[in-house]
Amino acid sequence: MNGRPEQFSARPNELLVERLRDGLGLTGTKVGCDTGQCGTCVVRLDGRSVKSCLVLTASAAGSEVATIEGETTRGGELSGLQEALRQEHGTQCGFCTPGMVMALGELVDSTAGGEAPTEPEIREWLTGNLCRCTGYHSVVRGVQRACAAARAEAPPSVSEPAAVAASTAAGQEV
């Protein structure tokens, strides 16, 4: 759980969202609809975003579970995506924000070394997360900002010419 081992017994019908909130006190994961429609309960299970209201706790045994509480650094700094959403005013009431950060974080991570996602691709990724406040425009801008920052921090791709990679590593502009 967020990089730390956890051991507990779960009821056969216990949902992961119940264990997170009620059993472990990780209340950043929200319960919105209980049907997998709204996305407020999204966590990462072995690196993939899942709706924890649809996952049995027992089925997550042995898996790495990451919640919004694990997204900030030990010093309390926001993750790159959280900071980008803050800068672009991509949060308002905040109820849907944890689920969006967990779902969109997977998108940002998956594009760090490659092409930036297009606006339609970002909007498609958002289809499982409902927000009644933002209208999504600022969320899309935040994701674009986070992806640009992630790509800037990513190591050069293997297909890049050696001279460009060497110049970049030496801090020279190309």
Protein backbone atom coordinates (compact mmCIF):
# COMPACT_ATOMS: atom_id res chain seq x y z
CA MET A 1 0.00 0.00 0.00
CA ASN A 2 1.70 3.16 -1.23
CA GLY A 3 5.03 1.36 -1.12
CA ARG A 4 4.57 -0.12 2.36
CA PRO A 5 3.60 -3.73 3.11
CA GLU A 6 0.13 -4.19 4.63
CA GLN A 7 -1.32 -7.41 5.97
CA PHE A 8 -4.95 -7.92 6.94
CA SER A 9 -7.91 -10.24 6.55
CA ALA A 10 -10.74 -9.22 4.24
CA ARG A 11 -14.35 -10.31 4.05
CA PRO A 12 -15.06 -12.24 0.82
CA ASN A 13 -17.33 -9.47 -0.49
CA GLU A 14 -15.30 -6.50 0.78
CA LEU A 15 -14.56 -3.89 -1.87
CA LEU A 16 -11.11 -2.34 -2.09
CA VAL A 17 -12.56 1.15 -1.61
CA GLU A 18 -14.06 -0.01 1.72
CA ARG A 19 -10.72 -1.39 2.90
CA LEU A 20 -8.89 1.77 1.90
CA ARG A 21 -11.31 4.18 3.54
CA ASP A 22 -12.71 2.27 6.50
CA GLY A 23 -9.95 -0.23 7.23
CA LEU A 24 -6.83 1.81 6.50
CA GLY A 25 -8.08 5.38 6.91
CA LEU A 26 -7.02 6.38 3.40
CA THR A 27 -9.97 8.69 2.81
CA GLY A 28 -8.51 10.47 -0.23
CA THR A 29 -10.11 7.71 -2.28
CA LYS A 30 -13.73 8.83 -2.56
CA VAL A 31 -17.00 6.94 -2.88
CA GLY A 32 -19.20 8.67 -5.41
CA CYS A 33 -21.53 6.26 -7.14
CA ASP A 34 -20.66 2.71 -6.02
CA THR A 35 -21.20 1.56 -9.62
CA GLY A 36 -17.91 2.41 -11.36
CA GLN A 37 -19.38 5.32 -13.28
CA CYS A 38 -17.88 8.42 -11.66
CA GLY A 39 -14.16 7.65 -11.17
CA THR A 40 -13.79 9.25 -7.73
CA CYS A 41 -12.53 5.92 -6.35
CA VAL A 42 -9.70 5.38 -8.86
CA VAL A 43 -6.46 3.96 -7.45
CA ARG A 44 -3.56 2.26 -9.16
CA LEU A 45 -3.31 -1.50 -8.91
CA ASP A 46 0.10 -2.70 -10.09
CA GLY A 47 0.51 0.56 -12.00
CA ARG A 48 -2.85 0.46 -13.78
CA SER A 49 -5.72 2.75 -12.84
CA VAL A 50 -8.77 0.85 -11.57
CA LYS A 51 -12.04 1.81 -9.95
CA SER A 52 -11.69 0.50 -6.41
CA CYS A 53 -15.47 0.28 -5.96
CA LEU A 54 -15.41 -2.55 -8.52
CA VAL A 55 -12.41 -4.48 -7.12
CA LEU A 56 -12.70 -7.03 -4.34
CA THR A 57 -10.05 -6.51 -1.67
CA ALA A 58 -9.10 -10.19 -1.83
CA SER A 59 -8.36 -9.91 -5.56
CA ALA A 60 -5.78 -7.22 -4.82
CA ALA A 61 -3.78 -9.52 -2.53
CA GLY A 62 -0.09 -9.45 -3.41
CA SER A 63 -0.52 -6.37 -5.62
CA GLU A 64 0.94 -2.90 -5.28
CA VAL A 65 -1.88 -0.50 -4.49
CA ALA A 66 -1.26 3.22 -4.83
CA THR A 67 -3.68 5.85 -3.56
CA ILE A 68 -3.71 9.62 -3.72
CA GLU A 69 -2.05 9.71 -0.30
CA GLY A 70 1.04 8.17 -1.91
CA GLU A 71 1.29 10.77 -4.67
CA THR A 72 2.94 13.54 -2.67
CA THR A 73 6.61 13.36 -1.76
CA ARG A 74 7.79 12.64 1.77
CA GLY A 75 8.38 16.38 2.10
CA GLY A 76 4.76 17.04 1.19
CA GLU A 77 5.44 18.37 -2.30
CA LEU A 78 2.81 17.80 -4.96
CA SER A 79 3.44 15.35 -7.78
CA GLY A 80 4.11 16.82 -11.22
CA LEU A 81 0.52 16.21 -12.31
CA GLN A 82 -0.92 17.67 -9.11
CA GLU A 83 1.21 20.79 -9.50
CA ALA A 84 0.26 21.15 -13.18
CA LEU A 85 -3.44 20.86 -12.32
CA ARG A 86 -2.97 23.49 -9.61
CA GLN A 87 -1.21 25.85 -12.02
CA GLU A 88 -3.93 25.43 -14.65
CA HIS A 89 -6.78 25.69 -12.12
CA GLY A 90 -7.82 22.13 -12.91
CA THR A 91 -9.44 21.57 -9.54
CA GLN A 92 -12.38 23.30 -7.96
CA CYS A 93 -14.35 21.55 -5.23
CA GLY A 94 -11.77 18.75 -5.20
CA PHE A 95 -14.10 15.78 -4.79
CA CYS A 96 -13.15 14.20 -8.14
CA THR A 97 -9.51 15.30 -8.03
CA PRO A 98 -7.97 12.24 -6.32
CA GLY A 99 -9.54 9.87 -8.84
CA MET A 100 -8.50 12.09 -11.75
CA VAL A 101 -4.92 12.34 -10.49
CA MET A 102 -4.67 8.57 -10.13
CA ALA A 103 -6.18 7.88 -13.58
CA LEU A 104 -4.41 10.68 -15.44
CA GLY A 105 -1.12 9.91 -13.69
CA GLU A 106 -1.03 6.66 -15.61
CA LEU A 107 -1.40 8.62 -18.87
CA VAL A 108 1.35 11.06 -17.92
CA ASP A 109 3.68 8.22 -16.91
CA SER A 110 2.99 6.30 -20.12
CA THR A 111 3.85 9.28 -22.34
CA ALA A 112 6.96 10.46 -20.48
CA GLY A 113 9.38 9.00 -23.00
CA GLY A 114 7.28 9.40 -26.13
CA GLU A 115 4.75 11.48 -27.97
CA ALA A 116 2.53 13.92 -26.13
CA PRO A 117 -1.11 12.86 -26.01
CA THR A 118 -3.44 14.93 -28.14
CA GLU A 119 -6.34 16.83 -26.63
CA PRO A 120 -8.84 14.22 -27.89
CA GLU A 121 -6.71 11.44 -26.37
CA ILE A 122 -6.66 13.23 -23.01
CA ARG A 123 -10.42 13.76 -23.17
CA GLU A 124 -10.90 10.08 -24.01
CA TRP A 125 -8.78 9.16 -20.98
CA LEU A 126 -11.06 11.39 -18.87
CA THR A 127 -14.27 9.62 -19.89
CA GLY A 128 -14.27 7.51 -16.73
CA ASN A 129 -13.97 10.51 -14.41
CA LEU A 130 -16.93 12.80 -13.88
CA CYS A 131 -16.53 16.39 -12.73
CA ARG A 132 -19.38 18.79 -12.22
CA CYS A 133 -17.22 21.87 -11.60
CA THR A 134 -14.35 22.33 -14.05
CA GLY A 135 -15.75 21.73 -17.52
CA TYR A 136 -12.52 19.75 -18.10
CA HIS A 137 -10.75 22.49 -20.14
CA SER A 138 -8.37 23.37 -17.33
CA VAL A 139 -7.87 19.68 -16.52
CA VAL A 140 -6.80 19.03 -20.13
CA ARG A 141 -4.37 21.97 -19.96
CA GLY A 142 -2.98 20.61 -16.68
CA VAL A 143 -2.40 17.18 -18.23
CA GLN A 144 -0.70 18.78 -21.24
CA ARG A 145 1.57 20.75 -18.89
CA ALA A 146 2.38 17.64 -16.83
CA CYS A 147 3.12 15.57 -19.96
CA ALA A 148 5.43 18.28 -21.31
CA ALA A 149 7.30 18.40 -18.00
CA ALA A 150 7.53 14.58 -17.84
CA ARG A 151 8.91 14.44 -21.40
CA ALA A 152 11.47 17.15 -20.57
CA GLU A 153 12.68 15.06 -17.62
CA ALA A 154 12.70 11.75 -19.52
CA PRO A 155 16.03 10.39 -20.79
CA PRO A 156 16.62 10.68 -24.55
CA SER A 157 14.99 7.93 -26.59
CA VAL A 158 17.08 5.13 -28.08
CA SER A 159 16.25 6.29 -31.61
CA GLU A 160 17.79 9.71 -31.02
CA PRO A 161 21.18 10.22 -32.72
CA ALA A 162 24.12 9.70 -30.37
CA ALA A 163 25.44 13.23 -30.95
CA VAL A 164 22.15 14.78 -29.87
CA ALA A 165 21.97 12.55 -26.80
CA ALA A 166 25.57 13.39 -25.87
CA SER A 167 24.96 17.13 -26.34
CA THR A 168 21.79 16.98 -24.29
CA ALA A 169 23.52 15.04 -21.50
CA ALA A 170 26.29 17.63 -21.45
CA GLY A 171 23.71 20.39 -20.97
CA GLN A 172 24.17 21.91 -24.43
CA GLU A 173 21.22 23.15 -26.42
CA VAL A 174 20.53 21.25 -29.61
